[in-house]
Amino acid sequence: MPLTLTADQAHARLHELTVVDVRTPGEYASGHLPGAHNIPLDQLDRALDALRTAAGRGDLLVVCASGARSATACERLAAHGIGAATLSGGTGAWTRLGHATDRSTGTRAPWAMERQVRLAAGSLVLTGLLAGRRWSAARWGSAGVAGGLVFSALTDTCGMARILAKLPHNRPATGDLDTTLAALAG
């Protein structure tokens, strides 16, 4: 299997792929590929045995919003001898081509991680600037956030997203992850 599949290639093979979505539960709930299993990137190590079993039955496709986190996940899986492909362009490319997504029902989905990062970064910068009117040193906090955003763009990583992913609304319930792992292993 190629290391990267386009949205159209993945759509044509969806019936034969085991799809693993490495986004946060909130992002997953807002819309995911049909049949996708949610294993957040920070829980990947816990899922290695189940993923190894699933990969033994057929090809794995790892998905995220843009393709960056899924590429990281594929590298980590490869380091453990588990082959997987990533979805080029992520769920963004999938939905732009008009392919269907499933949405979790019953609860209101939290904001997508990108939106959470924009809110947190903007709030920190604004707070630093407003506080800087009284304490000039507070502006350094805004400069730090700006520097972090530049670094994030240059490296295609996001430390703020990693921190936000640890908030309770972005974490899977233990039972949900256990159910997913059992389905993959079974």
Protein backbone atom coordinates (compact mmCIF):
# COMPACT_ATOMS: atom_id res chain seq x y z
CA MET A 1 0.00 0.00 0.00
CA PRO A 2 1.36 3.48 -0.76
CA LEU A 3 2.37 5.58 2.23
CA THR A 4 -0.06 8.32 1.21
CA LEU A 5 -3.53 8.02 -0.29
CA THR A 6 -5.49 10.87 -1.84
CA ALA A 7 -9.08 11.36 -0.72
CA ASP A 8 -10.36 9.81 -3.95
CA GLN A 9 -8.06 6.78 -3.61
CA ALA A 10 -9.13 6.29 0.00
CA HIS A 11 -12.80 6.70 -0.94
CA ALA A 12 -12.50 3.96 -3.57
CA ARG A 13 -10.89 1.59 -1.03
CA LEU A 14 -12.82 2.62 2.09
CA HIS A 15 -14.60 -0.76 2.29
CA GLU A 16 -11.26 -2.59 2.64
CA LEU A 17 -9.36 -0.17 4.88
CA THR A 18 -9.27 0.08 8.65
CA VAL A 19 -9.46 3.83 9.23
CA VAL A 20 -7.92 5.32 12.38
CA ASP A 21 -8.64 8.98 13.14
CA VAL A 22 -5.93 10.46 15.39
CA ARG A 23 -7.71 13.76 16.09
CA THR A 24 -9.13 14.66 19.48
CA PRO A 25 -12.55 13.23 20.37
CA GLY A 26 -14.11 16.66 19.82
CA GLU A 27 -12.69 16.94 16.32
CA TYR A 28 -13.71 13.36 15.58
CA ALA A 29 -17.27 14.04 16.79
CA SER A 30 -17.57 17.00 14.45
CA GLY A 31 -17.19 14.74 11.40
CA HIS A 32 -15.08 11.72 10.48
CA LEU A 33 -14.67 9.22 7.67
CA PRO A 34 -17.36 6.54 7.76
CA GLY A 35 -16.30 3.63 9.95
CA ALA A 36 -13.27 5.44 11.37
CA HIS A 37 -11.97 4.49 14.81
CA ASN A 38 -10.90 7.37 17.06
CA ILE A 39 -7.51 6.96 18.72
CA PRO A 40 -6.11 10.40 19.60
CA LEU A 41 -2.45 10.83 18.71
CA ASP A 42 -1.43 11.10 22.36
CA GLN A 43 -3.04 7.67 23.00
CA LEU A 44 -1.34 5.92 20.07
CA ASP A 45 1.20 4.03 22.17
CA ARG A 46 -1.60 2.51 24.23
CA ALA A 47 -3.21 1.25 21.00
CA LEU A 48 -0.13 -0.39 19.42
CA ASP A 49 -1.18 -4.00 20.08
CA ALA A 50 -4.70 -3.45 18.72
CA LEU A 51 -3.34 -1.61 15.69
CA ARG A 52 -0.81 -4.37 15.02
CA THR A 53 -3.66 -6.90 15.06
CA ALA A 54 -5.81 -4.75 12.76
CA ALA A 55 -2.88 -4.25 10.36
CA GLY A 56 -2.48 -8.02 10.22
CA ARG A 57 -6.02 -8.29 8.82
CA GLY A 58 -5.68 -5.52 6.21
CA ASP A 59 -4.37 -2.08 5.38
CA LEU A 60 -4.52 0.79 7.87
CA LEU A 61 -5.33 4.37 6.88
CA VAL A 62 -4.50 7.03 9.44
CA VAL A 63 -6.45 10.29 9.24
CA CYS A 64 -6.37 13.74 10.86
CA ALA A 65 -7.58 17.21 9.87
CA SER A 66 -4.76 18.15 7.48
CA GLY A 67 -2.42 15.16 7.24
CA ALA A 68 0.28 16.42 9.63
CA ARG A 69 -0.74 14.45 12.74
CA SER A 70 -1.54 11.35 10.69
CA ALA A 71 1.93 11.50 9.09
CA THR A 72 3.44 11.67 12.59
CA ALA A 73 1.30 8.71 13.64
CA CYS A 74 2.40 6.69 10.61
CA GLU A 75 6.04 7.35 11.47
CA ARG A 76 5.47 6.19 15.04
CA LEU A 77 3.64 3.09 13.86
CA ALA A 78 6.40 2.29 11.36
CA ALA A 79 8.95 2.52 14.18
CA HIS A 80 7.00 -0.32 15.84
CA GLY A 81 6.78 -2.37 12.65
CA ILE A 82 3.18 -1.44 11.82
CA GLY A 83 2.58 -0.27 8.26
CA ALA A 84 -0.02 2.40 7.63
CA ALA A 85 -0.84 5.06 5.05
CA THR A 86 -1.90 8.62 5.71
CA LEU A 87 -4.74 10.51 4.03
CA SER A 88 -3.21 13.35 2.01
CA GLY A 89 -4.87 16.60 3.05
CA GLY A 90 -6.78 14.87 5.85
CA THR A 91 -10.48 15.23 6.47
CA GLY A 92 -10.28 18.72 4.99
CA ALA A 93 -9.43 17.27 1.56
CA TRP A 94 -12.01 14.52 2.07
CA THR A 95 -14.87 16.96 2.68
CA ARG A 96 -13.73 19.42 -0.02
CA LEU A 97 -14.24 16.62 -2.56
CA GLY A 98 -17.76 16.07 -1.24
CA HIS A 99 -17.19 12.68 0.36
CA ALA A 100 -19.58 11.83 3.18
CA THR A 101 -18.62 12.05 6.83
CA ASP A 102 -20.26 10.60 9.91
CA ARG A 103 -20.94 12.73 12.95
CA SER A 104 -21.25 11.61 16.54
CA THR A 105 -24.75 12.03 17.88
CA GLY A 106 -26.14 12.80 21.28
CA THR A 107 -23.72 15.49 22.41
CA ARG A 108 -22.62 18.80 21.07
CA ALA A 109 -19.13 18.46 19.62
CA PRO A 110 -16.38 20.68 21.05
CA TRP A 111 -14.69 23.10 18.71
CA ALA A 112 -12.10 21.81 16.27
CA MET A 113 -8.54 21.99 17.61
CA GLU A 114 -7.52 24.69 15.14
CA ARG A 115 -10.37 26.90 16.37
CA GLN A 116 -9.40 26.25 20.01
CA VAL A 117 -5.80 27.23 19.24
CA ARG A 118 -6.92 30.45 17.51
CA LEU A 119 -9.09 31.37 20.51
CA ALA A 120 -6.36 30.60 23.06
CA ALA A 121 -3.60 32.37 21.12
CA GLY A 122 -5.76 35.41 20.37
CA SER A 123 -6.91 35.65 23.98
CA LEU A 124 -3.33 35.44 25.29
CA VAL A 125 -2.09 38.10 22.87
CA LEU A 126 -5.00 40.44 23.62
CA THR A 127 -4.59 39.94 27.38
CA GLY A 128 -0.86 40.66 27.12
CA LEU A 129 -1.46 43.82 25.12
CA LEU A 130 -4.17 45.09 27.46
CA ALA A 131 -2.12 44.28 30.56
CA GLY A 132 0.86 45.92 28.83
CA ARG A 133 -0.89 49.27 29.06
CA ARG A 134 -0.32 49.12 32.80
CA TRP A 135 2.71 46.78 33.07
CA SER A 136 4.93 47.05 30.02
CA ALA A 137 6.60 43.69 30.74
CA ALA A 138 3.24 41.96 30.05
CA ARG A 139 3.78 42.63 26.33
CA TRP A 140 6.50 39.99 26.37
CA GLY A 141 3.79 37.37 26.87
CA SER A 142 2.16 38.48 23.61
CA ALA A 143 5.55 38.38 21.89
CA GLY A 144 6.08 34.84 23.19
CA VAL A 145 2.75 33.67 21.79
CA ALA A 146 3.51 35.32 18.44
CA GLY A 147 6.90 33.62 18.35
CA GLY A 148 5.25 30.29 19.15
CA LEU A 149 2.82 30.75 16.27
CA VAL A 150 5.66 31.49 13.85
CA PHE A 151 7.56 28.43 15.10
CA SER A 152 4.38 26.36 14.74
CA ALA A 153 3.95 27.43 11.13
CA LEU A 154 7.60 26.80 10.23
CA THR A 155 7.76 23.34 11.82
CA ASP A 156 4.15 22.24 11.16
CA THR A 157 3.82 21.36 14.85
CA CYS A 158 1.74 23.01 17.53
CA GLY A 159 2.67 22.99 21.19
CA MET A 160 -0.50 24.85 22.12
CA ALA A 161 -2.61 22.15 20.46
CA ARG A 162 -0.74 19.51 22.44
CA ILE A 163 -1.57 21.35 25.65
CA LEU A 164 -5.20 21.93 24.69
CA ALA A 165 -5.57 18.25 23.73
CA LYS A 166 -5.05 17.38 27.39
CA LEU A 167 -8.16 19.33 28.50
CA PRO A 168 -11.04 17.08 29.61
CA HIS A 169 -13.35 17.91 26.68
CA ASN A 170 -10.63 16.90 24.23
CA ARG A 171 -9.84 13.55 25.86
CA PRO A 172 -11.62 10.30 25.15
CA ALA A 173 -13.58 8.71 27.92
CA THR A 174 -11.66 5.63 29.07
CA GLY A 175 -14.55 3.38 28.10
CA ASP A 176 -14.70 4.86 24.60
CA LEU A 177 -11.02 4.17 23.93
CA ASP A 178 -11.26 0.68 25.45
CA THR A 179 -14.23 -0.10 23.18
CA THR A 180 -12.31 1.17 20.14
CA LEU A 181 -9.24 -0.91 21.02
CA ALA A 182 -11.38 -4.02 21.52
CA ALA A 183 -13.03 -3.50 18.13
CA LEU A 184 -9.64 -3.16 16.43
CA ALA A 185 -8.18 -6.18 18.20
CA GLY A 186 -11.23 -8.37 17.62
